[in-house]
Protein backbone atom coordinates (compact mmCIF):
# COMPACT_ATOMS: atom_id res chain seq x y z
CA MET A 1 0.00 0.00 0.00
CA ILE A 2 2.81 2.44 0.85
CA GLY A 3 4.47 1.64 -2.45
CA ARG A 4 1.28 2.39 -4.36
CA LEU A 5 0.70 5.67 -2.51
CA ALA A 6 4.28 6.73 -3.09
CA GLN A 7 4.03 5.89 -6.78
CA VAL A 8 0.90 8.03 -7.14
CA GLU A 9 2.82 10.95 -5.61
CA GLY A 10 5.89 10.30 -7.76
CA ARG A 11 8.14 9.22 -4.89
CA THR A 12 9.84 6.03 -3.80
CA ALA A 13 8.41 3.92 -1.00
CA ALA A 14 11.49 4.74 1.10
CA GLU A 15 10.92 8.48 0.68
CA TYR A 16 7.26 8.11 1.57
CA LEU A 17 8.07 6.02 4.66
CA GLU A 18 10.71 8.54 5.79
CA GLU A 19 8.14 11.34 5.56
CA ILE A 20 5.74 9.31 7.70
CA LYS A 21 8.48 8.65 10.27
CA GLN A 22 9.38 12.33 10.46
CA SER A 23 5.74 13.22 11.18
CA TYR A 24 5.86 11.30 14.49
CA PRO A 25 7.39 12.91 17.60
CA GLN A 26 9.74 9.95 18.13
CA LYS A 27 10.72 9.98 14.43
CA ARG A 28 10.20 6.24 14.06
CA ILE A 29 7.62 3.59 13.15
CA ILE A 30 6.22 1.38 15.90
CA GLN A 31 7.53 -2.17 15.52
CA PRO A 32 5.32 -5.28 15.81
CA GLN A 33 7.39 -6.48 18.80
CA GLU A 34 6.34 -3.37 20.74
CA VAL A 35 2.68 -4.19 20.23
CA GLY A 36 3.34 -7.82 21.16
CA SER A 37 5.12 -6.79 24.35
CA LEU A 38 2.15 -4.70 25.42
CA VAL A 39 -0.25 -7.54 24.67
CA ALA A 40 1.90 -9.98 26.66
CA PHE A 41 1.97 -7.59 29.62
CA LEU A 42 -1.81 -7.11 29.54
CA CYS A 43 -2.22 -10.89 29.74
CA ARG A 44 -0.21 -11.07 32.98
CA ASP A 45 -1.59 -10.97 36.51
CA GLU A 46 0.19 -7.64 37.07
CA ALA A 47 -2.23 -6.05 34.60
CA LEU A 48 -5.47 -7.30 36.19
CA GLY A 49 -6.35 -3.76 37.30
CA ILE A 50 -6.25 -2.46 33.74
CA THR A 51 -9.77 -2.78 32.39
CA MET A 52 -11.88 -1.04 29.75
CA GLU A 53 -8.96 1.04 28.47
CA ASP A 54 -8.15 2.21 24.96
CA ILE A 55 -4.37 2.04 24.77
CA THR A 56 -2.78 3.98 21.94
CA ILE A 57 0.60 2.94 20.62
CA ALA A 58 1.53 5.95 18.50
CA ALA A 59 5.21 6.86 18.94
CA GLY A 60 4.36 9.91 20.99
CA SER A 61 1.62 11.25 18.72
CA LEU A 62 -1.47 12.67 20.33
CA TRP A 63 -3.81 11.41 17.62
């Protein structure tokens, strides 16, 4: 999908991805392992008190 969007705008996928990364406060893309780590934590007994929450993983973005 990124490749197609980049092509429509006349850019490479790498250029498009870099622009996306620069738009985030942490200047990076969240990795699947980060999401997996959060999921694993939420499945542990230490997270029993966390209920009915919407948890946003957004590299520091407020949206």
